[in-house]
Amino acid sequence: EEQIQAKFVKYIHNGEPTPFVPPG
Protein backbone atom coordinates (compact mmCIF):
# COMPACT_ATOMS: atom_id res chain seq x y z
CA GLU A 1 0.00 0.00 0.00
CA GLU A 2 0.87 3.60 -0.55
CA GLN A 3 2.90 5.04 2.31
CA ILE A 4 1.43 7.60 4.70
CA GLN A 5 4.06 10.16 5.56
CA ALA A 6 2.19 12.73 7.64
CA LYS A 7 0.90 12.59 11.22
CA PHE A 8 -1.38 9.56 11.67
CA VAL A 9 -4.87 10.28 13.04
CA LYS A 10 -7.64 7.92 14.18
CA TYR A 11 -10.84 9.74 13.13
CA ILE A 12 -13.47 7.11 13.99
CA HIS A 13 -13.00 3.86 15.92
CA ASN A 14 -14.85 0.77 14.68
CA GLY A 15 -16.64 0.42 18.04
CA GLU A 16 -18.63 3.69 17.83
CA PRO A 17 -20.04 5.69 14.88
CA THR A 18 -18.88 8.96 16.45
CA PRO A 19 -15.71 11.06 16.15
CA PHE A 20 -12.75 9.57 17.98
CA VAL A 21 -10.99 12.95 18.12
CA PRO A 22 -12.41 15.47 20.62
CA PRO A 23 -14.23 18.67 19.63
CA GLY A 24 -11.73 21.48 19.22
PDB file of all heavy atoms in Angstrom:
ATOM      1  N   GLU A   1       0.826  -1.204   0.000  1.00  0.00           N
ATOM      2  CA  GLU A   1       0.000   0.000   0.000  1.00  0.00           C
ATOM      3  C   GLU A   1       0.857   1.249   0.000  1.00  0.00           C
ATOM      4  O   GLU A   1       2.001   1.236   0.436  1.00  0.00           O
ATOM      5  CB  GLU A   1      -0.978   0.009   1.174  1.00  0.00           C
ATOM      6  CG  GLU A   1      -0.372   0.047   2.544  1.00  0.00           C
ATOM      7  CD  GLU A   1      -1.424   0.004   3.650  1.00  0.00           C
ATOM      8  OE1 GLU A   1      -2.599  -0.293   3.385  1.00  0.00           O
ATOM      9  OE2 GLU A   1      -1.056   0.278   4.786  1.00  0.00           O
ATOM     10  N   GLU A   2       0.246   2.293  -0.506  1.00  0.00           N
ATOM     11  CA  GLU A   2       0.865   3.603  -0.550  1.00  0.00           C
ATOM     12  C   GLU A   2       1.255   4.028   0.869  1.00  0.00           C
ATOM     13  O   GLU A   2       0.509   3.795   1.817  1.00  0.00           O
ATOM     14  CB  GLU A   2      -0.173   4.555  -1.133  1.00  0.00           C
ATOM     15  CG  GLU A   2       0.228   5.916  -1.445  1.00  0.00           C
ATOM     16  CD  GLU A   2      -0.898   6.685  -2.114  1.00  0.00           C
ATOM     17  OE1 GLU A   2      -2.006   6.150  -2.293  1.00  0.00           O
ATOM     18  OE2 GLU A   2      -0.639   7.842  -2.465  1.00  0.00           O
ATOM     19  N   GLN A   3       2.394   4.658   1.004  1.00  0.00           N
ATOM     20  CA  GLN A   3       2.897   5.036   2.314  1.00  0.00           C
ATOM     21  C   GLN A   3       2.270   6.341   2.793  1.00  0.00           C
ATOM     22  O   GLN A   3       2.114   7.293   2.030  1.00  0.00           O
ATOM     23  CB  GLN A   3       4.410   5.205   2.269  1.00  0.00           C
ATOM     24  CG  GLN A   3       5.033   5.487   3.608  1.00  0.00           C
ATOM     25  CD  GLN A   3       6.540   5.569   3.536  1.00  0.00           C
ATOM     26  OE1 GLN A   3       7.127   5.542   2.467  1.00  0.00           O
ATOM     27  NE2 GLN A   3       7.177   5.677   4.675  1.00  0.00           N
ATOM     28  N   ILE A   4       1.908   6.367   4.062  1.00  0.00           N
ATOM     29  CA  ILE A   4       1.427   7.595   4.697  1.00  0.00           C
ATOM     30  C   ILE A   4       2.617   8.236   5.378  1.00  0.00           C
ATOM     31  O   ILE A   4       3.289   7.600   6.186  1.00  0.00           O
ATOM     32  CB  ILE A   4       0.292   7.287   5.698  1.00  0.00           C
ATOM     33  CG1 ILE A   4      -0.935   6.822   4.926  1.00  0.00           C
ATOM     34  CG2 ILE A   4      -0.007   8.498   6.569  1.00  0.00           C
ATOM     35  CD1 ILE A   4      -2.129   6.490   5.782  1.00  0.00           C
ATOM     36  N   GLN A   5       2.858   9.512   5.056  1.00  0.00           N
ATOM     37  CA  GLN A   5       4.058  10.159   5.560  1.00  0.00           C
ATOM     38  C   GLN A   5       3.777  11.268   6.566  1.00  0.00           C
ATOM     39  O   GLN A   5       4.684  11.768   7.204  1.00  0.00           O
ATOM     40  CB  GLN A   5       4.869  10.706   4.392  1.00  0.00           C
ATOM     41  CG  GLN A   5       5.323   9.593   3.467  1.00  0.00           C
ATOM     42  CD  GLN A   5       6.123  10.100   2.289  1.00  0.00           C
ATOM     43  OE1 GLN A   5       6.619  11.211   2.281  1.00  0.00           O
ATOM     44  NE2 GLN A   5       6.260   9.277   1.279  1.00  0.00           N
ATOM     45  N   ALA A   6       2.520  11.649   6.707  1.00  0.00           N
ATOM     46  CA  ALA A   6       2.187  12.725   7.644  1.00  0.00           C
ATOM     47  C   ALA A   6       1.750  12.146   8.988  1.00  0.00           C
ATOM     48  O   ALA A   6       1.730  10.930   9.175  1.00  0.00           O
ATOM     49  CB  ALA A   6       1.078  13.590   7.048  1.00  0.00           C
ATOM     50  N   LYS A   7       1.349  13.019   9.900  1.00  0.00           N
ATOM     51  CA  LYS A   7       0.901  12.585  11.224  1.00  0.00           C
ATOM     52  C   LYS A   7      -0.333  11.694  11.083  1.00  0.00           C
ATOM     53  O   LYS A   7      -1.299  12.033  10.410  1.00  0.00           O
ATOM     54  CB  LYS A   7       0.560  13.813  12.071  1.00  0.00           C
ATOM     55  CG  LYS A   7       0.100  13.464  13.466  1.00  0.00           C
ATOM     56  CD  LYS A   7      -0.318  14.701  14.235  1.00  0.00           C
ATOM     57  CE  LYS A   7      -0.872  14.255  15.580  1.00  0.00           C
ATOM     58  NZ  LYS A   7      -1.809  15.221  16.110  1.00  0.00           N
ATOM     59  N   PHE A   8      -0.298  10.546  11.733  1.00  0.00           N
ATOM     60  CA  PHE A   8      -1.375   9.560  11.671  1.00  0.00           C
ATOM     61  C   PHE A   8      -2.471   9.936  12.672  1.00  0.00           C
ATOM     62  O   PHE A   8      -2.187  10.243  13.826  1.00  0.00           O
ATOM     63  CB  PHE A   8      -0.810   8.176  12.009  1.00  0.00           C
ATOM     64  CG  PHE A   8      -1.719   7.049  11.662  1.00  0.00           C
ATOM     65  CD1 PHE A   8      -1.720   6.496  10.390  1.00  0.00           C
ATOM     66  CD2 PHE A   8      -2.600   6.539  12.604  1.00  0.00           C
ATOM     67  CE1 PHE A   8      -2.563   5.445  10.067  1.00  0.00           C
ATOM     68  CE2 PHE A   8      -3.439   5.481  12.295  1.00  0.00           C
ATOM     69  CZ  PHE A   8      -3.423   4.941  11.020  1.00  0.00           C
ATOM     70  N   VAL A   9      -3.726   9.911  12.209  1.00  0.00           N
ATOM     71  CA  VAL A   9      -4.867  10.282  13.043  1.00  0.00           C
ATOM     72  C   VAL A   9      -5.913   9.177  12.984  1.00  0.00           C
ATOM     73  O   VAL A   9      -6.205   8.645  11.911  1.00  0.00           O
ATOM     74  CB  VAL A   9      -5.505  11.603  12.540  1.00  0.00           C
ATOM     75  CG1 VAL A   9      -6.740  11.966  13.356  1.00  0.00           C
ATOM     76  CG2 VAL A   9      -4.499  12.732  12.547  1.00  0.00           C
ATOM     77  N   LYS A  10      -6.499   8.851  14.117  1.00  0.00           N
ATOM     78  CA  LYS A  10      -7.635   7.924  14.177  1.00  0.00           C
ATOM     79  C   LYS A  10      -8.876   8.808  14.264  1.00  0.00           C
ATOM     80  O   LYS A  10      -9.118   9.454  15.269  1.00  0.00           O
ATOM     81  CB  LYS A  10      -7.510   7.016  15.402  1.00  0.00           C
ATOM     82  CG  LYS A  10      -8.640   6.041  15.561  1.00  0.00           C
ATOM     83  CD  LYS A  10      -8.420   4.812  14.752  1.00  0.00           C
ATOM     84  CE  LYS A  10      -8.674   3.572  15.575  1.00  0.00           C
ATOM     85  NZ  LYS A  10      -8.497   2.384  14.793  1.00  0.00           N
ATOM     86  N   TYR A  11      -9.667   8.868  13.177  1.00  0.00           N
ATOM     87  CA  TYR A  11     -10.839   9.739  13.125  1.00  0.00           C
ATOM     88  C   TYR A  11     -12.066   9.103  13.778  1.00  0.00           C
ATOM     89  O   TYR A  11     -12.796   9.761  14.510  1.00  0.00           O
ATOM     90  CB  TYR A  11     -11.180  10.101  11.673  1.00  0.00           C
ATOM     91  CG  TYR A  11     -10.106  10.889  10.986  1.00  0.00           C
ATOM     92  CD1 TYR A  11      -9.261  10.288  10.056  1.00  0.00           C
ATOM     93  CD2 TYR A  11      -9.929  12.239  11.251  1.00  0.00           C
ATOM     94  CE1 TYR A  11      -8.270  11.013   9.417  1.00  0.00           C
ATOM     95  CE2 TYR A  11      -8.935  12.973  10.620  1.00  0.00           C
ATOM     96  CZ  TYR A  11      -8.111  12.350   9.704  1.00  0.00           C
ATOM     97  OH  TYR A  11      -7.135  13.072   9.077  1.00  0.00           O
ATOM     98  N   ILE A  12     -12.323   7.837  13.452  1.00  0.00           N
ATOM     99  CA  ILE A  12     -13.475   7.110  13.990  1.00  0.00           C
ATOM    100  C   ILE A  12     -13.023   5.694  14.306  1.00  0.00           C
ATOM    101  O   ILE A  12     -12.441   5.020  13.462  1.00  0.00           O
ATOM    102  CB  ILE A  12     -14.644   7.057  12.978  1.00  0.00           C
ATOM    103  CG1 ILE A  12     -15.110   8.465  12.596  1.00  0.00           C
ATOM    104  CG2 ILE A  12     -15.812   6.250  13.548  1.00  0.00           C
ATOM    105  CD1 ILE A  12     -16.160   8.482  11.512  1.00  0.00           C
ATOM    106  N   HIS A  13     -13.307   5.230  15.497  1.00  0.00           N
ATOM    107  CA  HIS A  13     -12.999   3.861  15.919  1.00  0.00           C
ATOM    108  C   HIS A  13     -14.102   2.943  15.399  1.00  0.00           C
ATOM    109  O   HIS A  13     -15.223   3.388  15.173  1.00  0.00           O
ATOM    110  CB  HIS A  13     -12.930   3.818  17.451  1.00  0.00           C
ATOM    111  CG  HIS A  13     -12.437   2.536  17.988  1.00  0.00           C
ATOM    112  ND1 HIS A  13     -13.259   1.464  18.213  1.00  0.00           N
ATOM    113  CD2 HIS A  13     -11.197   2.145  18.347  1.00  0.00           C
ATOM    114  CE1 HIS A  13     -12.547   0.466  18.691  1.00  0.00           C
ATOM    115  NE2 HIS A  13     -11.286   0.853  18.781  1.00  0.00           N
ATOM    116  N   ASN A  14     -13.819   1.671  15.201  1.00  0.00           N
ATOM    117  CA  ASN A  14     -14.854   0.773  14.679  1.00  0.00           C
ATOM    118  C   ASN A  14     -15.855   0.327  15.750  1.00  0.00           C
ATOM    119  O   ASN A  14     -16.792  -0.389  15.448  1.00  0.00           O
ATOM    120  CB  ASN A  14     -14.253  -0.441  13.971  1.00  0.00           C
ATOM    121  CG  ASN A  14     -13.398  -1.306  14.858  1.00  0.00           C
ATOM    122  OD1 ASN A  14     -12.821  -0.832  15.822  1.00  0.00           O
ATOM    123  ND2 ASN A  14     -13.302  -2.573  14.526  1.00  0.00           N
ATOM    124  N   GLY A  15     -15.702   0.775  16.991  1.00  0.00           N
ATOM    125  CA  GLY A  15     -16.639   0.418  18.041  1.00  0.00           C
ATOM    126  C   GLY A  15     -17.761   1.424  18.245  1.00  0.00           C
ATOM    127  O   GLY A  15     -18.746   1.135  18.906  1.00  0.00           O
ATOM    128  N   GLU A  16     -17.631   2.626  17.682  1.00  0.00           N
ATOM    129  CA  GLU A  16     -18.632   3.685  17.835  1.00  0.00           C
ATOM    130  C   GLU A  16     -18.716   4.501  16.543  1.00  0.00           C
ATOM    131  O   GLU A  16     -17.685   4.852  15.977  1.00  0.00           O
ATOM    132  CB  GLU A  16     -18.240   4.645  18.967  1.00  0.00           C
ATOM    133  CG  GLU A  16     -18.290   4.054  20.346  1.00  0.00           C
ATOM    134  CD  GLU A  16     -19.703   3.884  20.871  1.00  0.00           C
ATOM    135  OE1 GLU A  16     -20.595   4.677  20.496  1.00  0.00           O
ATOM    136  OE2 GLU A  16     -19.920   2.950  21.659  1.00  0.00           O
ATOM    137  N   PRO A  17     -19.918   4.855  16.091  1.00  0.00           N
ATOM    138  CA  PRO A  17     -20.041   5.687  14.881  1.00  0.00           C
ATOM    139  C   PRO A  17     -19.992   7.181  15.212  1.00  0.00           C
ATOM    140  O   PRO A  17     -20.820   7.967  14.755  1.00  0.00           O
ATOM    141  CB  PRO A  17     -21.399   5.269  14.324  1.00  0.00           C
ATOM    142  CG  PRO A  17     -22.202   4.957  15.543  1.00  0.00           C
ATOM    143  CD  PRO A  17     -21.218   4.350  16.525  1.00  0.00           C
ATOM    144  N   THR A  18     -19.039   7.572  16.029  1.00  0.00           N
ATOM    145  CA  THR A  18     -18.880   8.963  16.448  1.00  0.00           C
ATOM    146  C   THR A  18     -17.409   9.346  16.321  1.00  0.00           C
ATOM    147  O   THR A  18     -16.536   8.473  16.302  1.00  0.00           O
ATOM    148  CB  THR A  18     -19.327   9.137  17.921  1.00  0.00           C
ATOM    149  OG1 THR A  18     -18.577   8.240  18.743  1.00  0.00           O
ATOM    150  CG2 THR A  18     -20.812   8.845  18.092  1.00  0.00           C
ATOM    151  N   PRO A  19     -17.118  10.658  16.250  1.00  0.00           N
ATOM    152  CA  PRO A  19     -15.711  11.064  16.147  1.00  0.00           C
ATOM    153  C   PRO A  19     -14.875  10.539  17.307  1.00  0.00           C
ATOM    154  O   PRO A  19     -15.294  10.565  18.460  1.00  0.00           O
ATOM    155  CB  PRO A  19     -15.784  12.590  16.180  1.00  0.00           C
ATOM    156  CG  PRO A  19     -17.139  12.912  15.657  1.00  0.00           C
ATOM    157  CD  PRO A  19     -18.033  11.809  16.181  1.00  0.00           C
ATOM    158  N   PHE A  20     -13.694  10.054  16.976  1.00  0.00           N
ATOM    159  CA  PHE A  20     -12.747   9.566  17.983  1.00  0.00           C
ATOM    160  C   PHE A  20     -11.892  10.716  18.501  1.00  0.00           C
ATOM    161  O   PHE A  20     -11.390  10.665  19.609  1.00  0.00           O
ATOM    162  CB  PHE A  20     -11.875   8.465  17.374  1.00  0.00           C
ATOM    163  CG  PHE A  20     -11.065   7.697  18.380  1.00  0.00           C
ATOM    164  CD1 PHE A  20     -11.673   6.849  19.289  1.00  0.00           C
ATOM    165  CD2 PHE A  20      -9.685   7.800  18.409  1.00  0.00           C
ATOM    166  CE1 PHE A  20     -10.928   6.131  20.222  1.00  0.00           C
ATOM    167  CE2 PHE A  20      -8.928   7.088  19.325  1.00  0.00           C
ATOM    168  CZ  PHE A  20      -9.553   6.248  20.230  1.00  0.00           C
ATOM    169  N   VAL A  21     -11.737  11.763  17.693  1.00  0.00           N
ATOM    170  CA  VAL A  21     -10.991  12.953  18.121  1.00  0.00           C
ATOM    171  C   VAL A  21     -11.959  13.886  18.844  1.00  0.00           C
ATOM    172  O   VAL A  21     -13.144  13.949  18.497  1.00  0.00           O
ATOM    173  CB  VAL A  21     -10.306  13.669  16.933  1.00  0.00           C
ATOM    174  CG1 VAL A  21      -9.232  12.811  16.322  1.00  0.00           C
ATOM    175  CG2 VAL A  21     -11.307  14.069  15.873  1.00  0.00           C
ATOM    176  N   PRO A  22     -11.504  14.603  19.851  1.00  0.00           N
ATOM    177  CA  PRO A  22     -12.409  15.472  20.621  1.00  0.00           C
ATOM    178  C   PRO A  22     -12.749  16.764  19.875  1.00  0.00           C
ATOM    179  O   PRO A  22     -11.976  17.225  19.033  1.00  0.00           O
ATOM    180  CB  PRO A  22     -11.600  15.765  21.888  1.00  0.00           C
ATOM    181  CG  PRO A  22     -10.172  15.640  21.468  1.00  0.00           C
ATOM    182  CD  PRO A  22     -10.154  14.575  20.405  1.00  0.00           C
ATOM    183  N   PRO A  23     -13.910  17.358  20.195  1.00  0.00           N
ATOM    184  CA  PRO A  23     -14.228  18.674  19.626  1.00  0.00           C
ATOM    185  C   PRO A  23     -13.096  19.653  19.955  1.00  0.00           C
ATOM    186  O   PRO A  23     -12.495  19.589  21.022  1.00  0.00           O
ATOM    187  CB  PRO A  23     -15.521  19.075  20.345  1.00  0.00           C
ATOM    188  CG  PRO A  23     -16.115  17.786  20.808  1.00  0.00           C
ATOM    189  CD  PRO A  23     -14.946  16.872  21.104  1.00  0.00           C
ATOM    190  N   GLY A  24     -12.822  20.534  19.027  1.00  0.00           N
ATOM    191  CA  GLY A  24     -11.727  21.480  19.218  1.00  0.00           C
ATOM    192  C   GLY A  24     -10.420  21.007  18.608  1.00  0.00           C
ATOM    193  O   GLY A  24      -9.543  21.809  18.321  1.00  0.00           O
TER     194      GLY A  24
END
